[in-house]
Amino acid sequence: MTPIHHINYRNEHNEVYCCLRNKVVELDDRQKSDFCSGCQMFAGFAGGKGVECEWEDMRDVPNPMRVTDPMKEFMSNQIRKIELDDPAVLAHGN
């Protein structure tokens, strides 16, 4: 799977969606130093307008993915698609 480049723009409250923490966070100095700086998904600070991350997104999204509403992005990431490979498991409920 190809990593998707996410550009998470800050909202009017200086908040972005953080995939690492799986929540909406304030993009302040603490977030940048304690989480962004050590995150393997970190890909930049969007020219001072937010944060950029790269990760294998299971959703059908464009690349790059531009995020302007962090809460909407959070909610979208809570939906999981489960695929079962073995039809027998479905038939027996195991």
N, C-alpha and C. Protein backbone atom coordinates (compact mmCIF):
# COMPACT_ATOMS: atom_id res chain seq x y z
N MET A 1 0.84 -1.17 0.00
CA MET A 1 0.00 0.00 0.00
C MET A 1 0.89 1.25 0.00
N THR A 2 0.50 2.24 -0.76
CA THR A 2 1.25 3.48 -0.87
C THR A 2 0.90 4.42 0.28
N PRO A 3 1.90 4.99 0.94
CA PRO A 3 1.61 5.98 1.99
C PRO A 3 0.91 7.20 1.39
N ILE A 4 -0.06 7.71 2.11
CA ILE A 4 -0.79 8.90 1.69
C ILE A 4 -0.22 10.10 2.44
N HIS A 5 0.03 11.17 1.71
CA HIS A 5 0.54 12.40 2.30
C HIS A 5 -0.65 13.23 2.77
N HIS A 6 -0.77 13.40 4.10
CA HIS A 6 -1.87 14.15 4.71
C HIS A 6 -1.37 15.55 5.07
N ILE A 7 -2.08 16.56 4.60
CA ILE A 7 -1.77 17.94 4.98
C ILE A 7 -2.91 18.39 5.89
N ASN A 8 -2.60 18.46 7.18
CA ASN A 8 -3.60 18.79 8.19
C ASN A 8 -3.48 20.27 8.55
N TYR A 9 -4.38 21.07 7.97
CA TYR A 9 -4.36 22.50 8.23
C TYR A 9 -4.99 22.81 9.58
N ARG A 10 -4.39 23.76 10.31
CA ARG A 10 -4.95 24.17 11.60
C ARG A 10 -6.31 24.81 11.38
N ASN A 11 -7.22 24.59 12.34
CA ASN A 11 -8.49 25.30 12.31
C ASN A 11 -8.36 26.61 13.08
N GLU A 12 -9.46 27.30 13.30
CA GLU A 12 -9.43 28.61 13.98
C GLU A 12 -9.01 28.51 15.45
N HIS A 13 -9.01 27.28 16.00
CA HIS A 13 -8.58 27.06 17.39
C HIS A 13 -7.17 26.48 17.48
N ASN A 14 -6.43 26.52 16.35
CA ASN A 14 -5.07 25.99 16.27
C ASN A 14 -5.04 24.48 16.48
N GLU A 15 -6.10 23.78 16.06
CA GLU A 15 -6.20 22.33 16.25
C GLU A 15 -6.02 21.60 14.92
N VAL A 16 -5.46 20.40 15.03
CA VAL A 16 -5.30 19.49 13.89
C VAL A 16 -5.64 18.08 14.36
N TYR A 17 -5.89 17.19 13.40
CA TYR A 17 -6.04 15.77 13.73
C TYR A 17 -4.65 15.15 13.80
N CYS A 18 -4.38 14.41 14.87
CA CYS A 18 -3.11 13.71 15.04
C CYS A 18 -3.37 12.21 14.93
N CYS A 19 -2.84 11.59 13.88
CA CYS A 19 -3.02 10.15 13.69
C CYS A 19 -2.30 9.36 14.78
N LEU A 20 -1.13 9.80 15.17
CA LEU A 20 -0.36 9.12 16.21
C LEU A 20 -1.17 8.97 17.49
N ARG A 21 -1.81 10.06 17.90
CA ARG A 21 -2.59 10.06 19.14
C ARG A 21 -4.06 9.74 18.91
N ASN A 22 -4.47 9.68 17.64
CA ASN A 22 -5.84 9.42 17.23
C ASN A 22 -6.83 10.35 17.94
N LYS A 23 -6.51 11.64 17.85
CA LYS A 23 -7.41 12.64 18.43
C LYS A 23 -7.09 14.01 17.86
N VAL A 24 -8.00 14.93 18.09
CA VAL A 24 -7.79 16.32 17.70
C VAL A 24 -6.95 16.97 18.81
N VAL A 25 -5.88 17.63 18.40
CA VAL A 25 -4.95 18.23 19.37
C VAL A 25 -4.66 19.67 18.99
N GLU A 26 -4.23 20.45 19.98
CA GLU A 26 -3.76 21.79 19.70
C GLU A 26 -2.33 21.68 19.16
N LEU A 27 -2.08 22.32 18.05
CA LEU A 27 -0.75 22.26 17.44
C LEU A 27 0.13 23.34 18.08
N ASP A 28 0.50 23.09 19.33
CA ASP A 28 1.34 24.02 20.08
C ASP A 28 2.76 23.47 20.17
N ASP A 29 3.62 24.20 20.88
CA ASP A 29 5.02 23.78 21.01
C ASP A 29 5.15 22.41 21.67
N ARG A 30 4.30 22.12 22.65
CA ARG A 30 4.34 20.81 23.33
C ARG A 30 4.01 19.67 22.36
N GLN A 31 2.97 19.85 21.57
CA GLN A 31 2.60 18.83 20.58
C GLN A 31 3.76 18.61 19.60
N LYS A 32 4.32 19.70 19.12
CA LYS A 32 5.41 19.60 18.14
C LYS A 32 6.63 18.90 18.72
N SER A 33 7.01 19.24 19.96
CA SER A 33 8.23 18.66 20.54
C SER A 33 8.00 17.27 21.12
N ASP A 34 6.86 17.05 21.76
CA ASP A 34 6.63 15.76 22.42
C ASP A 34 6.10 14.68 21.49
N PHE A 35 5.45 15.07 20.40
CA PHE A 35 4.83 14.06 19.54
C PHE A 35 5.33 14.14 18.10
N CYS A 36 5.20 15.29 17.46
CA CYS A 36 5.61 15.41 16.05
C CYS A 36 7.08 15.08 15.83
N SER A 37 7.94 15.60 16.72
CA SER A 37 9.38 15.45 16.52
C SER A 37 9.86 14.01 16.51
N GLY A 38 9.16 13.12 17.20
CA GLY A 38 9.57 11.72 17.24
C GLY A 38 8.68 10.78 16.45
N CYS A 39 7.72 11.33 15.75
CA CYS A 39 6.74 10.51 15.03
C CYS A 39 7.27 10.07 13.67
N GLN A 40 7.18 8.79 13.37
CA GLN A 40 7.64 8.27 12.09
C GLN A 40 6.77 8.72 10.93
N MET A 41 5.57 9.20 11.23
CA MET A 41 4.66 9.67 10.18
C MET A 41 4.89 11.14 9.84
N PHE A 42 5.62 11.87 10.67
CA PHE A 42 5.82 13.31 10.50
C PHE A 42 6.50 13.62 9.17
N ALA A 43 5.94 14.63 8.46
CA ALA A 43 6.49 15.00 7.15
C ALA A 43 6.60 16.50 6.95
N GLY A 44 6.47 17.30 8.02
CA GLY A 44 6.64 18.74 7.89
C GLY A 44 5.53 19.52 8.57
N PHE A 45 5.65 20.85 8.50
CA PHE A 45 4.68 21.72 9.17
C PHE A 45 3.84 22.54 8.20
N ALA A 46 3.64 22.05 7.01
CA ALA A 46 2.71 22.65 6.04
C ALA A 46 2.93 24.16 5.88
N GLY A 47 4.19 24.55 5.77
CA GLY A 47 4.50 25.96 5.59
C GLY A 47 4.00 26.85 6.71
N GLY A 48 3.95 26.29 7.94
CA GLY A 48 3.48 27.04 9.09
C GLY A 48 1.96 27.06 9.24
N LYS A 49 1.25 26.31 8.38
CA LYS A 49 -0.22 26.32 8.40
C LYS A 49 -0.82 25.09 9.06
N GLY A 50 0.02 24.17 9.52
CA GLY A 50 -0.49 22.94 10.13
C GLY A 50 0.62 21.92 10.25
N VAL A 51 0.27 20.67 10.01
CA VAL A 51 1.26 19.59 10.09
C VAL A 51 1.02 18.61 8.95
N GLU A 52 2.10 18.05 8.43
CA GLU A 52 2.02 17.07 7.36
C GLU A 52 2.45 15.71 7.89
N CYS A 53 1.73 14.69 7.49
CA CYS A 53 2.01 13.33 7.94
C CYS A 53 1.86 12.37 6.76
N GLU A 54 2.59 11.29 6.79
CA GLU A 54 2.45 10.25 5.76
C GLU A 54 2.20 8.92 6.45
N TRP A 55 1.09 8.29 6.08
CA TRP A 55 0.77 6.98 6.62
C TRP A 55 -0.14 6.22 5.66
N GLU A 56 -0.15 4.92 5.82
CA GLU A 56 -0.95 4.06 4.95
C GLU A 56 -2.42 4.14 5.37
N ASP A 57 -3.13 4.97 4.68
CA ASP A 57 -4.54 5.22 4.97
C ASP A 57 -5.37 4.16 4.26
N MET A 58 -6.19 3.44 5.00
CA MET A 58 -7.02 2.37 4.43
C MET A 58 -8.25 2.93 3.70
N ARG A 59 -8.55 4.21 3.90
CA ARG A 59 -9.69 4.82 3.24
C ARG A 59 -9.36 5.14 1.78
N ASP A 60 -10.37 5.32 0.99
CA ASP A 60 -10.19 5.73 -0.40
C ASP A 60 -10.13 7.26 -0.42
N VAL A 61 -8.91 7.81 -0.30
CA VAL A 61 -8.72 9.25 -0.23
C VAL A 61 -7.69 9.68 -1.27
N PRO A 62 -7.72 10.95 -1.66
CA PRO A 62 -6.73 11.44 -2.64
C PRO A 62 -5.34 11.53 -2.00
N ASN A 63 -4.33 11.60 -2.86
CA ASN A 63 -2.96 11.77 -2.41
C ASN A 63 -2.36 12.96 -3.16
N PRO A 64 -2.16 14.09 -2.50
CA PRO A 64 -2.23 14.31 -1.06
C PRO A 64 -3.67 14.48 -0.58
N MET A 65 -3.86 14.20 0.71
CA MET A 65 -5.13 14.38 1.39
C MET A 65 -5.06 15.68 2.16
N ARG A 66 -5.89 16.65 1.78
CA ARG A 66 -5.91 17.95 2.45
C ARG A 66 -7.05 17.98 3.47
N VAL A 67 -6.68 18.20 4.73
CA VAL A 67 -7.64 18.18 5.83
C VAL A 67 -7.81 19.58 6.39
N THR A 68 -9.04 20.11 6.35
CA THR A 68 -9.32 21.44 6.89
C THR A 68 -10.21 21.38 8.12
N ASP A 69 -10.84 20.24 8.36
CA ASP A 69 -11.73 20.07 9.52
C ASP A 69 -11.21 18.90 10.35
N PRO A 70 -10.44 19.18 11.42
CA PRO A 70 -9.83 18.09 12.19
C PRO A 70 -10.85 17.15 12.85
N MET A 71 -12.00 17.65 13.29
CA MET A 71 -12.98 16.77 13.92
C MET A 71 -13.60 15.83 12.89
N LYS A 72 -13.87 16.34 11.71
CA LYS A 72 -14.40 15.49 10.64
C LYS A 72 -13.39 14.40 10.28
N GLU A 73 -12.11 14.77 10.24
CA GLU A 73 -11.05 13.80 9.94
C GLU A 73 -10.97 12.75 11.06
N PHE A 74 -11.06 13.18 12.30
CA PHE A 74 -11.06 12.25 13.43
C PHE A 74 -12.21 11.25 13.29
N MET A 75 -13.42 11.75 13.06
CA MET A 75 -14.59 10.87 12.95
C MET A 75 -14.43 9.90 11.77
N SER A 76 -13.91 10.38 10.67
CA SER A 76 -13.72 9.52 9.50
C SER A 76 -12.73 8.40 9.79
N ASN A 77 -11.76 8.66 10.63
CA ASN A 77 -10.75 7.64 10.97
C ASN A 77 -11.23 6.64 12.01
N GLN A 78 -12.42 6.84 12.57
CA GLN A 78 -12.94 5.89 13.55
C GLN A 78 -13.73 4.77 12.88
N ILE A 79 -14.05 4.94 11.61
CA ILE A 79 -14.79 3.92 10.86
C ILE A 79 -13.81 2.91 10.30
N ARG A 80 -14.00 1.67 10.65
CA ARG A 80 -13.09 0.61 10.19
C ARG A 80 -13.83 -0.39 9.32
N LYS A 81 -13.23 -0.73 8.22
CA LYS A 81 -13.78 -1.73 7.32
C LYS A 81 -13.08 -3.05 7.63
N ILE A 82 -13.85 -4.06 7.96
CA ILE A 82 -13.28 -5.36 8.29
C ILE A 82 -13.57 -6.31 7.14
N GLU A 83 -12.51 -6.95 6.67
CA GLU A 83 -12.65 -7.92 5.59
C GLU A 83 -12.21 -9.27 6.10
N LEU A 84 -13.08 -10.26 5.90
CA LEU A 84 -12.75 -11.63 6.28
C LEU A 84 -12.42 -12.41 5.02
N ASP A 85 -11.31 -13.12 5.06
CA ASP A 85 -10.87 -13.87 3.89
C ASP A 85 -11.56 -15.22 3.75
N ASP A 86 -11.97 -15.80 4.86
CA ASP A 86 -12.50 -17.16 4.84
C ASP A 86 -14.03 -17.14 4.99
N PRO A 87 -14.78 -17.45 3.92
CA PRO A 87 -16.24 -17.46 3.99
C PRO A 87 -16.76 -18.46 5.01
N ALA A 88 -16.00 -19.52 5.31
CA ALA A 88 -16.43 -20.51 6.30
C ALA A 88 -16.51 -19.88 7.69
N VAL A 89 -15.65 -18.93 7.98
CA VAL A 89 -15.69 -18.25 9.27
C VAL A 89 -17.00 -17.50 9.40
N LEU A 90 -17.43 -16.87 8.33
CA LEU A 90 -18.69 -16.14 8.36
C LEU A 90 -19.86 -17.10 8.57
N ALA A 91 -19.83 -18.24 7.91
CA ALA A 91 -20.93 -19.21 7.99
C ALA A 91 -21.07 -19.79 9.38
N HIS A 92 -19.96 -19.97 10.10
CA HIS A 92 -20.00 -20.59 11.41
C HIS A 92 -19.96 -19.59 12.55
N GLY A 93 -19.77 -18.33 12.23
CA GLY A 93 -19.75 -17.30 13.26
C GLY A 93 -18.53 -17.35 14.16
N ASN A 94 -17.44 -17.92 13.71
CA ASN A 94 -16.21 -18.02 14.51
C ASN A 94 -15.28 -16.88 14.23
